[in-house]
Amino acid sequence: QVQLVESGGGLVQPGGSLRLSCAASGFTFNSYYMSWVRQAPGKGPEWVSAINTGGGNIDYADSVKGRFTISRDNAKNTLYLQMNSLKPEDTALYYCARGREGDSDSWGQGTQVTVSS
């Protein structure tokens, strides 16, 4: 079955960086768009970024453009999200998702990112 396991979250000060990873298994990773989605406390899910199968087509939410970088290693079945210049409003549970915005069918369990001084 599809498994998506996120890691790399934690507590970081404003302006800091984190790198999230998502280990995928149970499906042909290099055949799917992959995305990162986040959900802040008391809010609905917010799509963050998506990457196509080969990594050459990437989209970002305006709120993270220029600060976050999505990438994938198809040989390792792993999705990444490099997050720089973190802000308190980036605090959320970050999910790895198979598919793109509005068309994803599997999510991981999430990894918590907290940005606070």
PDB file of N, CA and C in Angstrom:
ATOM      1  N   GLN A   1       0.836  -1.181   0.000  1.00  0.00           N
ATOM      2  CA  GLN A   1       0.000   0.000   0.000  1.00  0.00           C
ATOM      3  C   GLN A   1       0.880   1.244   0.000  1.00  0.00           C
ATOM      4  N   VAL A   2       0.278   2.369  -0.351  1.00  0.00           N
ATOM      5  CA  VAL A   2       1.011   3.629  -0.401  1.00  0.00           C
ATOM      6  C   VAL A   2       1.428   4.040   1.006  1.00  0.00           C
ATOM      7  N   GLN A   3       2.711   4.346   1.148  1.00  0.00           N
ATOM      8  CA  GLN A   3       3.222   4.883   2.416  1.00  0.00           C
ATOM      9  C   GLN A   3       4.046   6.121   2.136  1.00  0.00           C
ATOM     10  N   LEU A   4       3.762   7.165   2.888  1.00  0.00           N
ATOM     11  CA  LEU A   4       4.503   8.423   2.809  1.00  0.00           C
ATOM     12  C   LEU A   4       4.877   8.791   4.235  1.00  0.00           C
ATOM     13  N   VAL A   5       6.168   8.881   4.505  1.00  0.00           N
ATOM     14  CA  VAL A   5       6.649   9.129   5.863  1.00  0.00           C
ATOM     15  C   VAL A   5       7.510  10.382   5.867  1.00  0.00           C
ATOM     16  N   GLU A   6       6.994  11.432   6.512  1.00  0.00           N
ATOM     17  CA  GLU A   6       7.700  12.703   6.585  1.00  0.00           C
ATOM     18  C   GLU A   6       8.640  12.724   7.794  1.00  0.00           C
ATOM     19  N   SER A   7       9.690  13.503   7.662  1.00  0.00           N
ATOM     20  CA  SER A   7      10.627  13.715   8.769  1.00  0.00           C
ATOM     21  C   SER A   7      11.320  15.057   8.576  1.00  0.00           C
ATOM     22  N   GLY A   8      12.010  15.512   9.632  1.00  0.00           N
ATOM     23  CA  GLY A   8      12.801  16.731   9.520  1.00  0.00           C
ATOM     24  C   GLY A   8      12.192  17.953  10.171  1.00  0.00           C
ATOM     25  N   GLY A   9      10.979  17.836  10.679  1.00  0.00           N
ATOM     26  CA  GLY A   9      10.380  18.976  11.343  1.00  0.00           C
ATOM     27  C   GLY A   9      11.039  19.260  12.684  1.00  0.00           C
ATOM     28  N   GLY A  10      10.628  20.367  13.288  1.00  0.00           N
ATOM     29  CA  GLY A  10      11.181  20.721  14.588  1.00  0.00           C
ATOM     30  C   GLY A  10      10.887  22.162  14.947  1.00  0.00           C
ATOM     31  N   LEU A  11      11.568  22.622  15.998  1.00  0.00           N
ATOM     32  CA  LEU A  11      11.440  24.000  16.460  1.00  0.00           C
ATOM     33  C   LEU A  11      12.622  24.805  15.934  1.00  0.00           C
ATOM     34  N   VAL A  12      12.341  25.926  15.309  1.00  0.00           N
ATOM     35  CA  VAL A  12      13.393  26.768  14.747  1.00  0.00           C
ATOM     36  C   VAL A  12      13.046  28.228  14.991  1.00  0.00           C
ATOM     37  N   GLN A  13      14.072  29.059  15.137  1.00  0.00           N
ATOM     38  CA  GLN A  13      13.852  30.483  15.345  1.00  0.00           C
ATOM     39  C   GLN A  13      13.490  31.167  14.014  1.00  0.00           C
ATOM     40  N   PRO A  14      12.792  32.287  14.082  1.00  0.00           N
ATOM     41  CA  PRO A  14      12.518  33.041  12.851  1.00  0.00           C
ATOM     42  C   PRO A  14      13.806  33.355  12.108  1.00  0.00           C
ATOM     43  N   GLY A  15      13.749  33.182  10.793  1.00  0.00           N
ATOM     44  CA  GLY A  15      14.935  33.363   9.967  1.00  0.00           C
ATOM     45  C   GLY A  15      15.751  32.104   9.757  1.00  0.00           C
ATOM     46  N   GLY A  16      15.418  31.061  10.481  1.00  0.00           N
ATOM     47  CA  GLY A  16      16.159  29.817  10.388  1.00  0.00           C
ATOM     48  C   GLY A  16      15.715  28.958   9.220  1.00  0.00           C
ATOM     49  N   SER A  17      16.311  27.769   9.149  1.00  0.00           N
ATOM     50  CA  SER A  17      16.053  26.840   8.041  1.00  0.00           C
ATOM     51  C   SER A  17      15.770  25.442   8.563  1.00  0.00           C
ATOM     52  N   LEU A  18      15.012  24.717   7.780  1.00  0.00           N
ATOM     53  CA  LEU A  18      14.770  23.298   8.010  1.00  0.00           C
ATOM     54  C   LEU A  18      14.668  22.607   6.662  1.00  0.00           C
ATOM     55  N   ARG A  19      14.997  21.320   6.656  1.00  0.00           N
ATOM     56  CA  ARG A  19      14.817  20.512   5.449  1.00  0.00           C
ATOM     57  C   ARG A  19      13.921  19.328   5.776  1.00  0.00           C
ATOM     58  N   LEU A  20      12.784  19.287   5.145  1.00  0.00           N
ATOM     59  CA  LEU A  20      11.866  18.175   5.332  1.00  0.00           C
ATOM     60  C   LEU A  20      12.140  17.095   4.285  1.00  0.00           C
ATOM     61  N   SER A  21      11.921  15.843   4.683  1.00  0.00           N
ATOM     62  CA  SER A  21      12.046  14.711   3.775  1.00  0.00           C
ATOM     63  C   SER A  21      10.770  13.894   3.822  1.00  0.00           C
ATOM     64  N   CYS A  22      10.496  13.210   2.734  1.00  0.00           N
ATOM     65  CA  CYS A  22       9.338  12.318   2.665  1.00  0.00           C
ATOM     66  C   CYS A  22       9.780  11.044   1.949  1.00  0.00           C
ATOM     67  N   ALA A  23       9.793   9.956   2.688  1.00  0.00           N
ATOM     68  CA  ALA A  23      10.157   8.659   2.114  1.00  0.00           C
ATOM     69  C   ALA A  23       8.904   7.976   1.599  1.00  0.00           C
ATOM     70  N   ALA A  24       8.902   7.646   0.322  1.00  0.00           N
ATOM     71  CA  ALA A  24       7.727   7.054  -0.321  1.00  0.00           C
ATOM     72  C   ALA A  24       7.956   5.575  -0.602  1.00  0.00           C
ATOM     73  N   SER A  25       6.899   4.788  -0.478  1.00  0.00           N
ATOM     74  CA  SER A  25       6.976   3.361  -0.806  1.00  0.00           C
ATOM     75  C   SER A  25       5.592   2.859  -1.174  1.00  0.00           C
ATOM     76  N   GLY A  26       5.559   1.693  -1.805  1.00  0.00           N
ATOM     77  CA  GLY A  26       4.282   1.072  -2.148  1.00  0.00           C
ATOM     78  C   GLY A  26       3.708   1.504  -3.481  1.00  0.00           C
ATOM     79  N   PHE A  27       4.441   2.341  -4.217  1.00  0.00           N
ATOM     80  CA  PHE A  27       3.987   2.756  -5.540  1.00  0.00           C
ATOM     81  C   PHE A  27       5.202   3.200  -6.357  1.00  0.00           C
ATOM     82  N   THR A  28       4.987   3.409  -7.640  1.00  0.00           N
ATOM     83  CA  THR A  28       6.069   3.824  -8.529  1.00  0.00           C
ATOM     84  C   THR A  28       6.256   5.323  -8.402  1.00  0.00           C
ATOM     85  N   PHE A  29       7.173   5.698  -7.528  1.00  0.00           N
ATOM     86  CA  PHE A  29       7.370   7.104  -7.143  1.00  0.00           C
ATOM     87  C   PHE A  29       7.606   7.995  -8.355  1.00  0.00           C
ATOM     88  N   ASN A  30       8.422   7.563  -9.285  1.00  0.00           N
ATOM     89  CA  ASN A  30       8.791   8.441 -10.397  1.00  0.00           C
ATOM     90  C   ASN A  30       7.687   8.598 -11.433  1.00  0.00           C
ATOM     91  N   SER A  31       6.521   8.036 -11.174  1.00  0.00           N
ATOM     92  CA  SER A  31       5.389   8.185 -12.083  1.00  0.00           C
ATOM     93  C   SER A  31       4.366   9.204 -11.602  1.00  0.00           C
ATOM     94  N   TYR A  32       4.615   9.820 -10.450  1.00  0.00           N
ATOM     95  CA  TYR A  32       3.618  10.702  -9.842  1.00  0.00           C
ATOM     96  C   TYR A  32       4.163  12.092  -9.552  1.00  0.00           C
ATOM     97  N   TYR A  33       3.300  13.097  -9.815  1.00  0.00           N
ATOM     98  CA  TYR A  33       3.513  14.400  -9.213  1.00  0.00           C
ATOM     99  C   TYR A  33       3.521  14.196  -7.701  1.00  0.00           C
ATOM    100  N   MET A  34       4.285  15.033  -7.001  1.00  0.00           N
ATOM    101  CA  MET A  34       4.300  15.017  -5.544  1.00  0.00           C
ATOM    102  C   MET A  34       4.166  16.450  -5.032  1.00  0.00           C
ATOM    103  N   SER A  35       3.591  16.585  -3.848  1.00  0.00           N
ATOM    104  CA  SER A  35       3.342  17.908  -3.281  1.00  0.00           C
ATOM    105  C   SER A  35       3.653  17.949  -1.796  1.00  0.00           C
ATOM    106  N   TRP A  36       3.787  19.157  -1.320  1.00  0.00           N
ATOM    107  CA  TRP A  36       3.801  19.437   0.122  1.00  0.00           C
ATOM    108  C   TRP A  36       2.577  20.295   0.429  1.00  0.00           C
ATOM    109  N   VAL A  37       1.906  19.930   1.505  1.00  0.00           N
ATOM    110  CA  VAL A  37       0.712  20.629   1.977  1.00  0.00           C
ATOM    111  C   VAL A  37       0.919  20.908   3.461  1.00  0.00           C
ATOM    112  N   ARG A  38       0.432  22.023   3.952  1.00  0.00           N
ATOM    113  CA  ARG A  38       0.555  22.302   5.378  1.00  0.00           C
ATOM    114  C   ARG A  38      -0.775  22.716   5.968  1.00  0.00           C
ATOM    115  N   GLN A  39      -0.885  22.500   7.264  1.00  0.00           N
ATOM    116  CA  GLN A  39      -2.097  22.895   7.977  1.00  0.00           C
ATOM    117  C   GLN A  39      -1.711  23.520   9.301  1.00  0.00           C
ATOM    118  N   ALA A  40      -2.037  24.786   9.434  1.00  0.00           N
ATOM    119  CA  ALA A  40      -1.766  25.512  10.673  1.00  0.00           C
ATOM    120  C   ALA A  40      -2.905  25.275  11.662  1.00  0.00           C
ATOM    121  N   PRO A  41      -2.644  25.452  12.938  1.00  0.00           N
ATOM    122  CA  PRO A  41      -3.700  25.237  13.939  1.00  0.00           C
ATOM    123  C   PRO A  41      -4.926  26.090  13.652  1.00  0.00           C
ATOM    124  N   GLY A  42      -6.093  25.460  13.637  1.00  0.00           N
ATOM    125  CA  GLY A  42      -7.336  26.183  13.438  1.00  0.00           C
ATOM    126  C   GLY A  42      -7.618  26.610  12.011  1.00  0.00           C
ATOM    127  N   LYS A  43      -6.778  26.181  11.074  1.00  0.00           N
ATOM    128  CA  LYS A  43      -6.962  26.562   9.668  1.00  0.00           C
ATOM    129  C   LYS A  43      -7.088  25.329   8.784  1.00  0.00           C
ATOM    130  N   GLY A  44      -7.544  25.530   7.582  1.00  0.00           N
ATOM    131  CA  GLY A  44      -7.639  24.445   6.629  1.00  0.00           C
ATOM    132  C   GLY A  44      -6.298  24.171   5.968  1.00  0.00           C
ATOM    133  N   PRO A  45      -6.210  23.085   5.233  1.00  0.00           N
ATOM    134  CA  PRO A  45      -4.956  22.759   4.540  1.00  0.00           C
ATOM    135  C   PRO A  45      -4.593  23.835   3.518  1.00  0.00           C
ATOM    136  N   GLU A  46      -3.297  24.077   3.389  1.00  0.00           N
ATOM    137  CA  GLU A  46      -2.774  25.014   2.408  1.00  0.00           C
ATOM    138  C   GLU A  46      -1.751  24.282   1.555  1.00  0.00           C
ATOM    139  N   TRP A  47      -1.984  24.213   0.269  1.00  0.00           N
ATOM    140  CA  TRP A  47      -1.001  23.632  -0.627  1.00  0.00           C
ATOM    141  C   TRP A  47       0.233  24.516  -0.673  1.00  0.00           C
ATOM    142  N   VAL A  48       1.417  23.939  -0.567  1.00  0.00           N
ATOM    143  CA  VAL A  48       2.670  24.690  -0.483  1.00  0.00           C
ATOM    144  C   VAL A  48       3.441  24.642  -1.801  1.00  0.00           C
ATOM    145  N   SER A  49       3.619  23.427  -2.331  1.00  0.00           N
ATOM    146  CA  SER A  49       4.456  23.292  -3.516  1.00  0.00           C
ATOM    147  C   SER A  49       4.192  21.955  -4.188  1.00  0.00           C
ATOM    148  N   ALA A  50       4.470  21.875  -5.478  1.00  0.00           N
ATOM    149  CA  ALA A  50       4.323  20.625  -6.219  1.00  0.00           C
ATOM    150  C   ALA A  50       5.462  20.489  -7.218  1.00  0.00           C
ATOM    151  N   ILE A  51       5.801  19.246  -7.531  1.00  0.00           N
ATOM    152  CA  ILE A  51       6.888  18.968  -8.475  1.00  0.00           C
ATOM    153  C   ILE A  51       6.463  17.819  -9.372  1.00  0.00           C
ATOM    154  N   ASN A  52       6.783  17.934 -10.657  1.00  0.00           N
ATOM    155  CA  ASN A  52       6.368  16.876 -11.580  1.00  0.00           C
ATOM    156  C   ASN A  52       7.326  15.694 -11.494  1.00  0.00           C
ATOM    157  N   THR A  53       7.060  14.692 -12.316  1.00  0.00           N
ATOM    158  CA  THR A  53       7.779  13.427 -12.174  1.00  0.00           C
ATOM    159  C   THR A  53       9.285  13.574 -12.349  1.00  0.00           C
ATOM    160  N   GLY A  54       9.694  14.395 -13.298  1.00  0.00           N
ATOM    161  CA  GLY A  54      11.114  14.554 -13.573  1.00  0.00           C
ATOM    162  C   GLY A  54      11.776  15.692 -12.837  1.00  0.00           C
ATOM    163  N   GLY A  55      10.991  16.500 -12.140  1.00  0.00           N
ATOM    164  CA  GLY A  55      11.539  17.615 -11.384  1.00  0.00           C
ATOM    165  C   GLY A  55      11.705  18.902 -12.171  1.00  0.00           C
ATOM    166  N   GLY A  56      11.285  18.904 -13.427  1.00  0.00           N
ATOM    167  CA  GLY A  56      11.483  20.091 -14.242  1.00  0.00           C
ATOM    168  C   GLY A  56      10.333  21.077 -14.231  1.00  0.00           C
ATOM    169  N   ASN A  57       9.226  20.713 -13.597  1.00  0.00           N
ATOM    170  CA  ASN A  57       8.066  21.596 -13.522  1.00  0.00           C
ATOM    171  C   ASN A  57       7.681  21.727 -12.059  1.00  0.00           C
ATOM    172  N   ILE A  58       7.848  22.923 -11.521  1.00  0.00           N
ATOM    173  CA  ILE A  58       7.670  23.168 -10.083  1.00  0.00           C
ATOM    174  C   ILE A  58       6.771  24.375  -9.879  1.00  0.00           C
ATOM    175  N   ASP A  59       5.900  24.290  -8.889  1.00  0.00           N
ATOM    176  CA  ASP A  59       5.029  25.403  -8.521  1.00  0.00           C
ATOM    177  C   ASP A  59       5.105  25.635  -7.015  1.00  0.00           C
ATOM    178  N   TYR A  60       4.906  26.884  -6.633  1.00  0.00           N
ATOM    179  CA  TYR A  60       4.903  27.268  -5.224  1.00  0.00           C
ATOM    180  C   TYR A  60       3.717  28.167  -4.919  1.00  0.00           C
ATOM    181  N   ALA A  61       3.236  28.071  -3.695  1.00  0.00           N
ATOM    182  CA  ALA A  61       2.287  29.048  -3.207  1.00  0.00           C
ATOM    183  C   ALA A  61       3.005  30.391  -3.079  1.00  0.00           C
ATOM    184  N   ASP A  62       2.264  31.477  -3.296  1.00  0.00           N
ATOM    185  CA  ASP A  62       2.883  32.803  -3.205  1.00  0.00           C
ATOM    186  C   ASP A  62       3.504  33.045  -1.832  1.00  0.00           C
ATOM    187  N   SER A  63       2.923  32.445  -0.805  1.00  0.00           N
ATOM    188  CA  SER A  63       3.389  32.685   0.566  1.00  0.00           C
ATOM    189  C   SER A  63       4.782  32.123   0.833  1.00  0.00           C
ATOM    190  N   VAL A  64       5.257  31.198  -0.005  1.00  0.00           N
ATOM    191  CA  VAL A  64       6.562  30.579   0.243  1.00  0.00           C
ATOM    192  C   VAL A  64       7.538  30.789  -0.903  1.00  0.00           C
ATOM    193  N   LYS A  65       7.078  31.402  -1.974  1.00  0.00           N
ATOM    194  CA  LYS A  65       7.920  31.581  -3.159  1.00  0.00           C
ATOM    195  C   LYS A  65       9.166  32.377  -2.805  1.00  0.00           C
ATOM    196  N   GLY A  66      10.326  31.881  -3.246  1.00  0.00           N
ATOM    197  CA  GLY A  66      11.586  32.544  -2.958  1.00  0.00           C
ATOM    198  C   GLY A  66      12.229  32.123  -1.651  1.00  0.00           C
ATOM    199  N   ARG A  67      11.493  31.404  -0.817  1.00  0.00           N
ATOM    200  CA  ARG A  67      12.034  30.932   0.466  1.00  0.00           C
ATOM    201  C   ARG A  67      12.113  29.417   0.551  1.00  0.00           C
ATOM    202  N   PHE A  68      11.190  28.730  -0.089  1.00  0.00           N
ATOM    203  CA  PHE A  68      11.139  27.265  -0.039  1.00  0.00           C
ATOM    204  C   PHE A  68      11.562  26.692  -1.386  1.00  0.00           C
ATOM    205  N   THR A  69      12.185  25.512  -1.340  1.00  0.00           N
ATOM    206  CA  THR A  69      12.587  24.809  -2.557  1.00  0.00           C
ATOM    207  C   THR A  69      12.188  23.344  -2.456  1.00  0.00           C
ATOM    208  N   ILE A  70      11.384  22.897  -3.398  1.00  0.00           N
ATOM    209  CA  ILE A  70      10.994  21.496  -3.456  1.00  0.00           C
ATOM    210  C   ILE A  70      11.934  20.755  -4.402  1.00  0.00           C
ATOM    211  N   SER A  71      12.218  19.508  -4.075  1.00  0.00           N
ATOM    212  CA  SER A  71      13.042  18.678  -4.957  1.00  0.00           C
ATOM    213  C   SER A  71      12.701  17.216  -4.708  1.00  0.00           C
ATOM    214  N   ARG A  72      13.187  16.370  -5.582  1.00  0.00           N
ATOM    215  CA  ARG A  72      12.938  14.932  -5.429  1.00  0.00           C
ATOM    216  C   ARG A  72      14.137  14.145  -5.924  1.00  0.00           C
ATOM    217  N   ASP A  73      14.330  12.986  -5.323  1.00  0.00           N
ATOM    218  CA  ASP A  73      15.361  12.048  -5.747  1.00  0.00           C
ATOM    219  C   ASP A  73      14.638  10.751  -6.103  1.00  0.00           C
ATOM    220  N   ASN A  74      14.409  10.536  -7.389  1.00  0.00           N
ATOM    221  CA  ASN A  74      13.637   9.366  -7.799  1.00  0.00           C
ATOM    222  C   ASN A  74      14.391   8.055  -7.539  1.00  0.00           C
ATOM    223  N   ALA A  75      15.705   8.112  -7.499  1.00  0.00           N
ATOM    224  CA  ALA A  75      16.482   6.904  -7.195  1.00  0.00           C
ATOM    225  C   ALA A  75      16.291   6.472  -5.742  1.00  0.00           C
ATOM    226  N   LYS A  76      15.997   7.440  -4.884  1.00  0.00           N
ATOM    227  CA  LYS A  76      15.811   7.149  -3.449  1.00  0.00           C
ATOM    228  C   LYS A  76      14.345   7.183  -3.039  1.00  0.00           C
ATOM    229  N   ASN A  77      13.442   7.415  -3.998  1.00  0.00           N
ATOM    230  CA  ASN A  77      12.008   7.517  -3.686  1.00  0.00           C
ATOM    231  C   ASN A  77      11.746   8.518  -2.564  1.00  0.00           C
ATOM    232  N   THR A  78      12.374   9.667  -2.659  1.00  0.00           N
ATOM    233  CA  THR A  78      12.289  10.651  -1.589  1.00  0.00           C
ATOM    234  C   THR A  78      11.984  12.035  -2.139  1.00  0.00           C
ATOM    235  N   LEU A  79      11.100  12.721  -1.436  1.00  0.00           N
ATOM    236  CA  LEU A  79      10.721  14.097  -1.730  1.00  0.00           C
ATOM    237  C   LEU A  79      11.292  14.995  -0.640  1.00  0.00           C
ATOM    238  N   TYR A  80      11.711  16.198  -1.023  1.00  0.00           N
ATOM    239  CA  TYR A  80      12.314  17.124  -0.054  1.00  0.00           C
ATOM    240  C   TYR A  80      11.624  18.489  -0.118  1.00  0.00           C
ATOM    241  N   LEU A  81      11.757  19.210   0.998  1.00  0.00           N
ATOM    242  CA  LEU A  81      11.359  20.616   1.024  1.00  0.00           C
ATOM    243  C   LEU A  81      12.386  21.372   1.849  1.00  0.00           C
ATOM    244  N   GLN A  82      13.189  22.186   1.175  1.00  0.00           N
ATOM    245  CA  GLN A  82      14.140  23.049   1.867  1.00  0.00           C
ATOM    246  C   GLN A  82      13.431  24.355   2.201  1.00  0.00           C
ATOM    247  N   MET A  83      13.402  24.687   3.481  1.00  0.00           N
ATOM    248  CA  MET A  83      12.698  25.874   3.936  1.00  0.00           C
ATOM    249  C   MET A  83      13.693  26.839   4.558  1.00  0.00           C
ATOM    250  N   ASN A  84      13.829  27.999   3.962  1.00  0.00           N
ATOM    251  CA  ASN A  84      14.734  29.035   4.459  1.00  0.00           C
ATOM    252  C   ASN A  84      13.948  30.267   4.875  1.00  0.00           C
ATOM    253  N   SER A  85      14.594  31.137   5.618  1.00  0.00           N
ATOM    254  CA  SER A  85      13.967  32.392   6.065  1.00  0.00           C
ATOM    255  C   SER A  85      12.593  32.139   6.671  1.00  0.00           C
ATOM    256  N   LEU A  86      12.552  31.188   7.557  1.00  0.00           N
ATOM    257  CA  LEU A  86      11.271  30.784   8.138  1.00  0.00           C
ATOM    258  C   LEU A  86      10.656  31.894   8.979  1.00  0.00           C
ATOM    259  N   LYS A  87       9.330  31.961   8.926  1.00  0.00           N
ATOM    260  CA  LYS A  87       8.563  32.973   9.648  1.00  0.00           C
ATOM    261  C   LYS A  87       7.599  32.271  10.610  1.00  0.00           C
ATOM    262  N   PRO A  88       7.163  32.958  11.655  1.00  0.00           N
ATOM    263  CA  PRO A  88       6.200  32.347  12.574  1.00  0.00           C
ATOM    264  C   PRO A  88       4.952  31.832  11.858  1.00  0.00           C
ATOM    265  N   GLU A  89       4.540  32.507  10.796  1.00  0.00           N
ATOM    266  CA  GLU A  89       3.345  32.068  10.067  1.00  0.00           C
ATOM    267  C   GLU A  89       3.567  30.805   9.251  1.00  0.00           C
ATOM    268  N   ASP A  90       4.788  30.312   9.201  1.00  0.00           N
ATOM    269  CA  ASP A  90       5.062  29.019   8.573  1.00  0.00           C
ATOM    270  C   ASP A  90       4.795  27.856   9.534  1.00  0.00           C
ATOM    271  N   THR A  91       4.520  28.164  10.783  1.00  0.00           N
ATOM    272  CA  THR A  91       4.231  27.119  11.761  1.00  0.00           C
ATOM    273  C   THR A  91       3.009  26.319  11.329  1.00  0.00           C
ATOM    274  N   ALA A  92       3.189  25.013  11.210  1.00  0.00           N
ATOM    275  CA  ALA A  92       2.104  24.143  10.726  1.00  0.00           C
ATOM    276  C   ALA A  92       2.556  22.695  10.775  1.00  0.00           C
ATOM    277  N   LEU A  93       1.604  21.823  10.548  1.00  0.00           N
ATOM    278  CA  LEU A  93       1.904  20.415  10.305  1.00  0.00           C
ATOM    279  C   LEU A  93       2.070  20.270   8.797  1.00  0.00           C
ATOM    280  N   TYR A  94       3.228  19.766   8.394  1.00  0.00           N
ATOM    281  CA  TYR A  94       3.556  19.661   6.974  1.00  0.00           C
ATOM    282  C   TYR A  94       3.367  18.218   6.512  1.00  0.00           C
ATOM    283  N   TYR A  95       2.603  18.073   5.432  1.00  0.00           N
ATOM    284  CA  TYR A  95       2.302  16.767   4.879  1.00  0.00           C
ATOM    285  C   TYR A  95       2.915  16.614   3.484  1.00  0.00           C
ATOM    286  N   CYS A  96       3.369  15.418   3.226  1.00  0.00           N
ATOM    287  CA  CYS A  96       3.759  15.002   1.888  1.00  0.00           C
ATOM    288  C   CYS A  96       2.519  14.387   1.236  1.00  0.00           C
ATOM    289  N   ALA A  97       2.258  14.700  -0.018  1.00  0.00           N
ATOM    290  CA  ALA A  97       1.069  14.190  -0.695  1.00  0.00           C
ATOM    291  C   ALA A  97       1.409  13.668  -2.081  1.00  0.00           C
ATOM    292  N   ARG A  98       0.783  12.572  -2.443  1.00  0.00           N
ATOM    293  CA  ARG A  98       0.930  12.055  -3.801  1.00  0.00           C
ATOM    294  C   ARG A  98      -0.074  12.760  -4.697  1.00  0.00           C
ATOM    295  N   GLY A  99       0.433  13.366  -5.764  1.00  0.00           N
ATOM    296  CA  GLY A  99      -0.433  14.126  -6.642  1.00  0.00           C
ATOM    297  C   GLY A  99      -0.208  15.615  -6.497  1.00  0.00           C
ATOM    298  N   ARG A 100      -1.029  16.400  -7.158  1.00  0.00           N
ATOM    299  CA  ARG A 100      -0.895  17.847  -7.109  1.00  0.00           C
ATOM    300  C   ARG A 100      -2.132  18.468  -6.480  1.00  0.00           C
ATOM    301  N   GLU A 101      -2.125  19.777  -6.329  1.00  0.00           N
ATOM    302  CA  GLU A 101      -3.200  20.481  -5.666  1.00  0.00           C
ATOM    303  C   GLU A 101      -4.542  20.138  -6.305  1.00  0.00           C
ATOM    304  N   GLY A 102      -5.490  19.739  -5.455  1.00  0.00           N
ATOM    305  CA  GLY A 102      -6.818  19.392  -5.925  1.00  0.00           C
ATOM    306  C   GLY A 102      -6.939  18.011  -6.508  1.00  0.00           C
ATOM    307  N   ASP A 103      -5.827  17.291  -6.566  1.00  0.00           N
ATOM    308  CA  ASP A 103      -5.847  15.970  -7.197  1.00  0.00           C
ATOM    309  C   ASP A 103      -4.876  15.028  -6.516  1.00  0.00           C
ATOM    310  N   SER A 104      -4.846  15.069  -5.179  1.00  0.00           N
ATOM    311  CA  SER A 104      -3.964  14.175  -4.431  1.00  0.00           C
ATOM    312  C   SER A 104      -4.797  13.087  -3.760  1.00  0.00           C
ATOM    313  N   ASP A 105      -4.234  11.882  -3.693  1.00  0.00           N
ATOM    314  CA  ASP A 105      -5.017  10.768  -3.168  1.00  0.00           C
ATOM    315  C   ASP A 105      -4.416  10.103  -1.936  1.00  0.00           C
ATOM    316  N   SER A 106      -3.210  10.525  -1.558  1.00  0.00           N
ATOM    317  CA  SER A 106      -2.586   9.940  -0.369  1.00  0.00           C
ATOM    318  C   SER A 106      -1.727  10.989   0.311  1.00  0.00           C
ATOM    319  N   TRP A 107      -1.823  11.037   1.632  1.00  0.00           N
ATOM    320  CA  TRP A 107      -1.011  11.947   2.441  1.00  0.00           C
ATOM    321  C   TRP A 107      -0.271  11.133   3.491  1.00  0.00           C
ATOM    322  N   GLY A 108       0.855  11.657   3.928  1.00  0.00           N
ATOM    323  CA  GLY A 108       1.562  11.066   5.054  1.00  0.00           C
ATOM    324  C   GLY A 108       0.932  11.482   6.373  1.00  0.00           C
ATOM    325  N   GLN A 109       1.631  11.170   7.469  1.00  0.00           N
ATOM    326  CA  GLN A 109       1.102  11.500   8.792  1.00  0.00           C
ATOM    327  C   GLN A 109       1.472  12.904   9.229  1.00  0.00           C
ATOM    328  N   GLY A 110       2.417  13.514   8.541  1.00  0.00           N
ATOM    329  CA  GLY A 110       2.803  14.893   8.825  1.00  0.00           C
ATOM    330  C   GLY A 110       3.998  15.010   9.749  1.00  0.00           C
ATOM    331  N   THR A 111       4.690  16.134   9.633  1.00  0.00           N
ATOM    332  CA  THR A 111       5.790  16.481  10.537  1.00  0.00           C
ATOM    333  C   THR A 111       5.587  17.928  10.976  1.00  0.00           C
ATOM    334  N   GLN A 112       5.746  18.170  12.270  1.00  0.00           N
ATOM    335  CA  GLN A 112       5.438  19.490  12.833  1.00  0.00           C
ATOM    336  C   GLN A 112       6.611  20.445  12.640  1.00  0.00           C
ATOM    337  N   VAL A 113       6.307  21.626  12.148  1.00  0.00           N
ATOM    338  CA  VAL A 113       7.279  22.710  12.049  1.00  0.00           C
ATOM    339  C   VAL A 113       6.772  23.858  12.910  1.00  0.00           C
ATOM    340  N   THR A 114       7.599  24.286  13.854  1.00  0.00           N
ATOM    341  CA  THR A 114       7.246  25.395  14.728  1.00  0.00           C
ATOM    342  C   THR A 114       8.328  26.464  14.622  1.00  0.00           C
ATOM    343  N   VAL A 115       7.912  27.666  14.261  1.00  0.00           N
ATOM    344  CA  VAL A 115       8.854  28.786  14.117  1.00  0.00           C
ATOM    345  C   VAL A 115       8.550  29.782  15.225  1.00  0.00           C
ATOM    346  N   SER A 116       9.474  29.880  16.156  1.00  0.00           N
ATOM    347  CA  SER A 116       9.244  30.722  17.328  1.00  0.00           C
ATOM    348  C   SER A 116      10.561  31.081  17.973  1.00  0.00           C
ATOM    349  N   SER A 117      10.595  32.276  18.559  1.00  0.00           N
ATOM    350  CA  SER A 117      11.786  32.684  19.301  1.00  0.00           C
ATOM    351  C   SER A 117      11.628  32.345  20.778  1.00  0.00           C
TER     352      SER A 117
END
